[in-house]
Amino acid sequence: QVQLVESGGGLAQPGGSLRLSCAVSGSIANSYQMAWYRQAPGKQRELVANIISGGRTNYVDSVKGRFTISRDNAKKSVYLQMNSLKVEDTAVYYCYADARVIGGRRSDYWGQGTQVTVSS
């Protein structure tokens, strides 16, 4: 069983910063991809950033240069540093893992989400 638990969301002013954390628990044999998605009210969930095995990262154009995704394999955690926040970054942010558990299949795993609100 794999569980993803996000933390670090909250209220920030435009131009401010927040750092999201995602703690991964469970007997993971291989993590192929970790990512952050977000979903704003009335909009579809979108990929914000991902990091694949080997460390290559990708970002949606709207956050390039402002957000940084990173992972700490020893702590089994993935992070999203969000700088220069904009009102349009307001959304529920979800941690995602594409992983295979020991003795199990490769599957998608999601956290419960954490609210990020950017407002003055």
C-alpha atoms as a PDB file:
ATOM      1  CA  GLN A   1       0.000   0.000   0.000  1.00  0.00           C
ATOM      2  CA  VAL A   2       1.364   3.399  -1.002  1.00  0.00           C
ATOM      3  CA  GLN A   3       0.207   6.627   0.581  1.00  0.00           C
ATOM      4  CA  LEU A   4       1.058  10.179  -0.429  1.00  0.00           C
ATOM      5  CA  VAL A   5       0.533  12.938   2.119  1.00  0.00           C
ATOM      6  CA  GLU A   6       0.876  16.570   1.072  1.00  0.00           C
ATOM      7  CA  SER A   7       1.589  19.505   3.320  1.00  0.00           C
ATOM      8  CA  GLY A   8       2.629  23.122   3.025  1.00  0.00           C
ATOM      9  CA  GLY A   9      -0.367  24.664   1.339  1.00  0.00           C
ATOM     10  CA  GLY A  10      -2.043  27.801   2.589  1.00  0.00           C
ATOM     11  CA  LEU A  11      -2.545  31.461   1.855  1.00  0.00           C
ATOM     12  CA  ALA A  12       0.087  33.589   0.173  1.00  0.00           C
ATOM     13  CA  GLN A  13       0.151  37.074  -1.267  1.00  0.00           C
ATOM     14  CA  PRO A  14       0.920  37.682  -4.928  1.00  0.00           C
ATOM     15  CA  GLY A  15       4.666  37.605  -5.330  1.00  0.00           C
ATOM     16  CA  GLY A  16       5.074  35.416  -2.282  1.00  0.00           C
ATOM     17  CA  SER A  17       6.344  31.880  -1.880  1.00  0.00           C
ATOM     18  CA  LEU A  18       5.151  28.531  -0.599  1.00  0.00           C
ATOM     19  CA  ARG A  19       6.812  25.130  -0.443  1.00  0.00           C
ATOM     20  CA  LEU A  20       4.731  22.015  -0.819  1.00  0.00           C
ATOM     21  CA  SER A  21       5.936  18.685   0.508  1.00  0.00           C
ATOM     22  CA  CYS A  22       4.753  15.194  -0.279  1.00  0.00           C
ATOM     23  CA  ALA A  23       5.735  12.322   1.980  1.00  0.00           C
ATOM     24  CA  VAL A  24       5.554   8.884   0.419  1.00  0.00           C
ATOM     25  CA  SER A  25       4.968   5.817   2.540  1.00  0.00           C
ATOM     26  CA  GLY A  26       4.832   2.187   1.517  1.00  0.00           C
ATOM     27  CA  SER A  27       7.072  -0.508   0.129  1.00  0.00           C
ATOM     28  CA  ILE A  28       8.013   1.024  -3.187  1.00  0.00           C
ATOM     29  CA  ALA A  29      10.207  -1.072  -5.431  1.00  0.00           C
ATOM     30  CA  ASN A  30      10.559   1.522  -8.155  1.00  0.00           C
ATOM     31  CA  SER A  31       9.330   5.088  -8.565  1.00  0.00           C
ATOM     32  CA  TYR A  32       9.134   5.959 -12.255  1.00  0.00           C
ATOM     33  CA  GLN A  33       7.733   9.445 -11.944  1.00  0.00           C
ATOM     34  CA  MET A  34       6.735  11.887  -9.240  1.00  0.00           C
ATOM     35  CA  ALA A  35       4.660  14.918 -10.052  1.00  0.00           C
ATOM     36  CA  TRP A  36       2.525  17.757  -8.846  1.00  0.00           C
ATOM     37  CA  TYR A  37      -0.858  18.436 -10.405  1.00  0.00           C
ATOM     38  CA  ARG A  38      -3.330  21.181  -9.622  1.00  0.00           C
ATOM     39  CA  GLN A  39      -7.006  21.771 -10.120  1.00  0.00           C
ATOM     40  CA  ALA A  40      -8.628  25.178  -9.936  1.00  0.00           C
ATOM     41  CA  PRO A  41     -12.396  25.586  -9.474  1.00  0.00           C
ATOM     42  CA  GLY A  42     -14.228  24.843 -12.686  1.00  0.00           C
ATOM     43  CA  LYS A  43     -11.083  23.680 -14.465  1.00  0.00           C
ATOM     44  CA  GLN A  44      -9.541  20.352 -15.318  1.00  0.00           C
ATOM     45  CA  ARG A  45      -6.670  18.960 -13.341  1.00  0.00           C
ATOM     46  CA  GLU A  46      -3.384  19.895 -14.970  1.00  0.00           C
ATOM     47  CA  LEU A  47       0.186  18.738 -14.649  1.00  0.00           C
ATOM     48  CA  VAL A  48       2.305  21.415 -13.002  1.00  0.00           C
ATOM     49  CA  ALA A  49       5.686  19.693 -12.849  1.00  0.00           C
ATOM     50  CA  ASN A  50       7.140  16.220 -12.871  1.00  0.00           C
ATOM     51  CA  ILE A  51      10.431  14.551 -12.157  1.00  0.00           C
ATOM     52  CA  ILE A  52      11.283  11.203 -13.650  1.00  0.00           C
ATOM     53  CA  SER A  53      13.783   8.567 -12.588  1.00  0.00           C
ATOM     54  CA  GLY A  54      17.154   9.973 -13.536  1.00  0.00           C
ATOM     55  CA  GLY A  55      16.161  13.414 -12.342  1.00  0.00           C
ATOM     56  CA  ARG A  56      14.857  15.050 -15.504  1.00  0.00           C
ATOM     57  CA  THR A  57      12.174  17.627 -14.790  1.00  0.00           C
ATOM     58  CA  ASN A  58       9.374  19.172 -16.801  1.00  0.00           C
ATOM     59  CA  TYR A  59       7.130  22.148 -16.106  1.00  0.00           C
ATOM     60  CA  VAL A  60       3.965  23.585 -17.535  1.00  0.00           C
ATOM     61  CA  ASP A  61       4.795  26.816 -19.318  1.00  0.00           C
ATOM     62  CA  SER A  62       2.859  28.984 -16.859  1.00  0.00           C
ATOM     63  CA  VAL A  63       5.175  28.069 -13.947  1.00  0.00           C
ATOM     64  CA  LYS A  64       8.541  27.864 -15.684  1.00  0.00           C
ATOM     65  CA  GLY A  65      11.109  29.989 -13.918  1.00  0.00           C
ATOM     66  CA  ARG A  66       8.921  30.283 -10.814  1.00  0.00           C
ATOM     67  CA  PHE A  67       8.385  26.730  -9.540  1.00  0.00           C
ATOM     68  CA  THR A  68      10.953  24.047  -8.822  1.00  0.00           C
ATOM     69  CA  ILE A  69      10.242  20.379  -8.266  1.00  0.00           C
ATOM     70  CA  SER A  70      12.723  18.246  -6.361  1.00  0.00           C
ATOM     71  CA  ARG A  71      12.887  14.908  -4.617  1.00  0.00           C
ATOM     72  CA  ASP A  72      14.761  13.433  -1.705  1.00  0.00           C
ATOM     73  CA  ASN A  73      14.941   9.680  -2.159  1.00  0.00           C
ATOM     74  CA  ALA A  74      16.355   9.112   1.307  1.00  0.00           C
ATOM     75  CA  LYS A  75      13.386  10.891   2.870  1.00  0.00           C
ATOM     76  CA  LYS A  76      10.967   9.435   0.299  1.00  0.00           C
ATOM     77  CA  SER A  77       9.663  12.911  -0.360  1.00  0.00           C
ATOM     78  CA  VAL A  78       9.001  15.238  -3.258  1.00  0.00           C
ATOM     79  CA  TYR A  79       8.761  19.002  -3.026  1.00  0.00           C
ATOM     80  CA  LEU A  80       7.414  21.920  -5.011  1.00  0.00           C
ATOM     81  CA  GLN A  81       9.003  25.279  -4.312  1.00  0.00           C
ATOM     82  CA  MET A  82       6.662  27.975  -5.585  1.00  0.00           C
ATOM     83  CA  ASN A  83       8.015  31.507  -5.936  1.00  0.00           C
ATOM     84  CA  SER A  84       6.571  34.680  -7.435  1.00  0.00           C
ATOM     85  CA  LEU A  85       3.095  33.318  -6.856  1.00  0.00           C
ATOM     86  CA  LYS A  86       0.227  34.670  -8.903  1.00  0.00           C
ATOM     87  CA  VAL A  87      -3.489  34.766  -8.234  1.00  0.00           C
ATOM     88  CA  GLU A  88      -3.951  32.263 -11.059  1.00  0.00           C
ATOM     89  CA  ASP A  89      -1.836  29.718  -9.147  1.00  0.00           C
ATOM     90  CA  THR A  90      -4.751  29.307  -6.740  1.00  0.00           C
ATOM     91  CA  ALA A  91      -5.817  25.671  -6.829  1.00  0.00           C
ATOM     92  CA  VAL A  92      -5.799  22.395  -4.975  1.00  0.00           C
ATOM     93  CA  TYR A  93      -2.380  20.819  -5.516  1.00  0.00           C
ATOM     94  CA  TYR A  94      -2.050  17.051  -5.693  1.00  0.00           C
ATOM     95  CA  CYS A  95       1.002  14.889  -5.351  1.00  0.00           C
ATOM     96  CA  TYR A  96       1.218  12.008  -7.817  1.00  0.00           C
ATOM     97  CA  ALA A  97       3.393   8.934  -8.086  1.00  0.00           C
ATOM     98  CA  ASP A  98       3.816   6.385 -10.841  1.00  0.00           C
ATOM     99  CA  ALA A  99       5.357   3.561  -8.893  1.00  0.00           C
ATOM    100  CA  ARG A 100       5.577  -0.161  -8.390  1.00  0.00           C
ATOM    101  CA  VAL A 101       5.339  -1.667  -4.948  1.00  0.00           C
ATOM    102  CA  ILE A 102       7.483  -4.608  -3.906  1.00  0.00           C
ATOM    103  CA  GLY A 103       5.846  -7.747  -5.233  1.00  0.00           C
ATOM    104  CA  GLY A 104       3.131  -5.716  -6.911  1.00  0.00           C
ATOM    105  CA  ARG A 105       2.152  -3.935 -10.081  1.00  0.00           C
ATOM    106  CA  ARG A 106       3.001  -0.523 -11.393  1.00  0.00           C
ATOM    107  CA  SER A 107       0.162   1.873 -10.514  1.00  0.00           C
ATOM    108  CA  ASP A 108      -0.819   5.500 -10.168  1.00  0.00           C
ATOM    109  CA  TYR A 109      -1.057   6.961  -6.685  1.00  0.00           C
ATOM    110  CA  TRP A 110      -2.533  10.284  -5.575  1.00  0.00           C
ATOM    111  CA  GLY A 111      -2.427  12.354  -2.445  1.00  0.00           C
ATOM    112  CA  GLN A 112      -5.502  13.939  -0.917  1.00  0.00           C
ATOM    113  CA  GLY A 113      -4.588  17.437  -2.096  1.00  0.00           C
ATOM    114  CA  THR A 114      -3.594  20.658  -0.394  1.00  0.00           C
ATOM    115  CA  GLN A 115      -5.179  24.043  -0.990  1.00  0.00           C
ATOM    116  CA  VAL A 116      -3.034  26.912  -2.233  1.00  0.00           C
ATOM    117  CA  THR A 117      -4.680  30.322  -2.270  1.00  0.00           C
ATOM    118  CA  VAL A 118      -2.917  33.374  -3.648  1.00  0.00           C
ATOM    119  CA  SER A 119      -4.697  36.578  -2.732  1.00  0.00           C
ATOM    120  CA  SER A 120      -3.964  40.061  -1.494  1.00  0.00           C
END
